[in-house]
Structures are given as C-alpha cells and as structure tokens.
Amino acid sequence: MARGLLARLRAWIAVEDPEERIVGSGDPITSPQHRRSPDAERELERLEDAADENRGEGP
C-alpha cells in the first residue's frame, strides 16, 4: 500500500516532458535586499578604507 501511494506521489510530482523544464544558469538566486551593484560595492569599500584610516587618529 505504501509503495502504491509513493508511486502515485512520484507520478504526480514528476515533470511529464523534460523539454518543459526551466533551465537556469546555475547561479544562486539572491533576494534584491542582498544584491549590490559594482558601484555600491566600490563605495562601501571606499567608506570602509576611510573609516580604517580615521580610526588611528585621535580626537
């Protein structure tokens, strides 16, 4: 009985035609909140470098 149920479940989930499958690039998908443009990355690095330089200076 369990095998029959498992077989029906597999058939229900299976993609009928492999041609209908969506093929992606394989790259991980990230949410827009975690994506950054190259310009934003450069600006963050610049700000981090400036903060590192200022840490050594006294008031």
N, C-alpha and C. Protein backbone atom coordinates (compact mmCIF):
# COMPACT_ATOMS: atom_id res chain seq x y z
N MET A 1 0.82 -1.19 0.00
CA MET A 1 0.00 0.00 0.00
C MET A 1 0.87 1.26 0.00
N ALA A 2 1.89 1.27 0.84
CA ALA A 2 2.77 2.45 0.90
C ALA A 2 3.52 2.64 -0.42
N ARG A 3 3.89 1.53 -1.06
CA ARG A 3 4.59 1.64 -2.34
C ARG A 3 3.69 2.24 -3.41
N GLY A 4 2.43 1.83 -3.40
CA GLY A 4 1.48 2.37 -4.37
C GLY A 4 1.26 3.86 -4.15
N LEU A 5 1.17 4.26 -2.91
CA LEU A 5 1.00 5.67 -2.58
C LEU A 5 2.23 6.47 -2.99
N LEU A 6 3.40 5.92 -2.73
CA LEU A 6 4.65 6.58 -3.11
C LEU A 6 4.77 6.69 -4.63
N ALA A 7 4.38 5.64 -5.34
CA ALA A 7 4.43 5.67 -6.80
C ALA A 7 3.48 6.73 -7.36
N ARG A 8 2.28 6.83 -6.79
CA ARG A 8 1.34 7.86 -7.25
C ARG A 8 1.85 9.26 -6.95
N LEU A 9 2.47 9.42 -5.80
CA LEU A 9 3.03 10.72 -5.43
C LEU A 9 4.16 11.11 -6.38
N ARG A 10 5.04 10.18 -6.70
CA ARG A 10 6.13 10.45 -7.66
C ARG A 10 5.58 10.82 -9.03
N ALA A 11 4.56 10.09 -9.47
CA ALA A 11 3.96 10.38 -10.78
C ALA A 11 3.30 11.74 -10.78
N TRP A 12 2.70 12.13 -9.67
CA TRP A 12 2.03 13.43 -9.58
C TRP A 12 3.04 14.57 -9.61
N ILE A 13 4.20 14.37 -8.97
CA ILE A 13 5.22 15.42 -8.89
C ILE A 13 6.07 15.49 -10.17
N ALA A 14 6.24 14.38 -10.83
CA ALA A 14 7.15 14.29 -11.98
C ALA A 14 6.75 15.25 -13.10
N VAL A 15 7.76 15.74 -13.80
CA VAL A 15 7.52 16.58 -14.97
C VAL A 15 7.31 15.64 -16.15
N GLU A 16 6.18 15.80 -16.82
CA GLU A 16 5.84 14.90 -17.93
C GLU A 16 6.87 14.96 -19.06
N ASP A 17 7.19 16.16 -19.50
CA ASP A 17 8.07 16.34 -20.63
C ASP A 17 9.32 17.11 -20.19
N PRO A 18 10.49 16.49 -20.30
CA PRO A 18 11.70 17.20 -19.87
C PRO A 18 11.93 18.49 -20.65
N GLU A 19 11.37 18.63 -21.82
CA GLU A 19 11.52 19.85 -22.61
C GLU A 19 10.82 21.04 -21.95
N GLU A 20 9.85 20.77 -21.08
CA GLU A 20 9.11 21.84 -20.42
C GLU A 20 9.81 22.35 -19.17
N ARG A 21 10.91 21.71 -18.79
CA ARG A 21 11.63 22.14 -17.60
C ARG A 21 12.31 23.47 -17.84
N ILE A 22 12.37 24.25 -16.81
CA ILE A 22 13.05 25.54 -16.89
C ILE A 22 14.52 25.30 -16.57
N VAL A 23 15.38 25.75 -17.48
CA VAL A 23 16.81 25.58 -17.28
C VAL A 23 17.40 26.93 -16.90
N GLY A 24 18.04 26.97 -15.76
CA GLY A 24 18.63 28.22 -15.29
C GLY A 24 20.13 28.24 -15.51
N SER A 25 20.75 29.32 -15.09
CA SER A 25 22.19 29.48 -15.25
C SER A 25 22.97 28.68 -14.22
N GLY A 26 22.32 28.29 -13.15
CA GLY A 26 23.01 27.57 -12.10
C GLY A 26 23.52 28.50 -11.01
N ASP A 27 23.43 29.80 -11.23
CA ASP A 27 23.87 30.76 -10.22
C ASP A 27 22.83 30.82 -9.10
N PRO A 28 23.29 31.02 -7.88
CA PRO A 28 22.33 31.13 -6.79
C PRO A 28 21.46 32.38 -6.95
N ILE A 29 20.23 32.26 -6.53
CA ILE A 29 19.30 33.38 -6.61
C ILE A 29 19.28 34.07 -5.25
N THR A 30 19.55 35.36 -5.27
CA THR A 30 19.54 36.11 -4.02
C THR A 30 18.40 37.12 -4.05
N SER A 31 17.99 37.51 -2.89
CA SER A 31 16.91 38.48 -2.82
C SER A 31 17.45 39.86 -3.20
N PRO A 32 16.60 40.75 -3.66
CA PRO A 32 17.05 42.10 -4.02
C PRO A 32 17.70 42.83 -2.86
N GLN A 33 17.35 42.47 -1.65
CA GLN A 33 17.96 43.12 -0.49
C GLN A 33 19.44 42.81 -0.37
N HIS A 34 19.86 41.67 -0.90
CA HIS A 34 21.24 41.25 -0.76
C HIS A 34 22.07 41.46 -2.02
N ARG A 35 21.47 41.97 -3.06
CA ARG A 35 22.22 42.26 -4.29
C ARG A 35 22.77 43.66 -4.23
N ARG A 36 23.98 43.82 -4.70
CA ARG A 36 24.58 45.15 -4.74
C ARG A 36 25.22 45.35 -6.10
N SER A 37 25.11 46.57 -6.58
CA SER A 37 25.75 46.89 -7.84
C SER A 37 27.25 47.04 -7.61
N PRO A 38 28.06 46.92 -8.66
CA PRO A 38 29.51 47.12 -8.52
C PRO A 38 29.84 48.51 -7.98
N ASP A 39 29.07 49.52 -8.37
CA ASP A 39 29.31 50.88 -7.86
C ASP A 39 29.09 50.94 -6.36
N ALA A 40 28.04 50.28 -5.88
CA ALA A 40 27.76 50.28 -4.45
C ALA A 40 28.86 49.53 -3.69
N GLU A 41 29.35 48.43 -4.26
CA GLU A 41 30.44 47.69 -3.62
C GLU A 41 31.69 48.56 -3.50
N ARG A 42 32.01 49.28 -4.57
CA ARG A 42 33.19 50.17 -4.54
C ARG A 42 33.03 51.27 -3.49
N GLU A 43 31.84 51.83 -3.41
CA GLU A 43 31.59 52.89 -2.43
C GLU A 43 31.71 52.35 -1.00
N LEU A 44 31.20 51.16 -0.76
CA LEU A 44 31.32 50.56 0.57
C LEU A 44 32.78 50.31 0.92
N GLU A 45 33.55 49.83 -0.05
CA GLU A 45 34.98 49.61 0.20
C GLU A 45 35.69 50.93 0.49
N ARG A 46 35.34 51.98 -0.27
CA ARG A 46 35.95 53.29 -0.06
C ARG A 46 35.64 53.81 1.34
N LEU A 47 34.39 53.68 1.75
CA LEU A 47 34.00 54.14 3.08
C LEU A 47 34.68 53.33 4.18
N GLU A 48 34.81 52.04 3.95
CA GLU A 48 35.49 51.19 4.93
C GLU A 48 36.96 51.57 5.06
N ASP A 49 37.61 51.84 3.92
CA ASP A 49 39.01 52.26 3.95
C ASP A 49 39.16 53.59 4.67
N ALA A 50 38.25 54.52 4.42
CA ALA A 50 38.30 55.82 5.06
C ALA A 50 38.09 55.67 6.57
N ALA A 51 37.21 54.79 6.98
CA ALA A 51 36.96 54.56 8.39
C ALA A 51 38.19 53.94 9.05
N ASP A 52 38.86 53.03 8.34
CA ASP A 52 40.07 52.42 8.87
C ASP A 52 41.17 53.46 9.07
N GLU A 53 41.30 54.40 8.14
CA GLU A 53 42.30 55.45 8.24
C GLU A 53 42.02 56.38 9.41
N ASN A 54 40.74 56.67 9.65
CA ASN A 54 40.35 57.58 10.70
C ASN A 54 40.42 56.96 12.09
N ARG A 55 40.43 55.67 12.18
CA ARG A 55 40.48 55.00 13.49
C ARG A 55 41.79 55.27 14.21
N GLY A 56 42.85 55.42 13.45
CA GLY A 56 44.15 55.64 14.05
C GLY A 56 44.35 57.05 14.56
N GLU A 57 43.55 57.98 14.10
CA GLU A 57 43.68 59.36 14.50
C GLU A 57 42.96 59.62 15.83
N GLY A 58 43.57 60.44 16.66
CA GLY A 58 42.94 60.80 17.94
C GLY A 58 42.02 61.99 17.78
N PRO A 59 41.25 62.31 18.83
CA PRO A 59 40.33 63.46 18.75
C PRO A 59 41.03 64.78 18.79
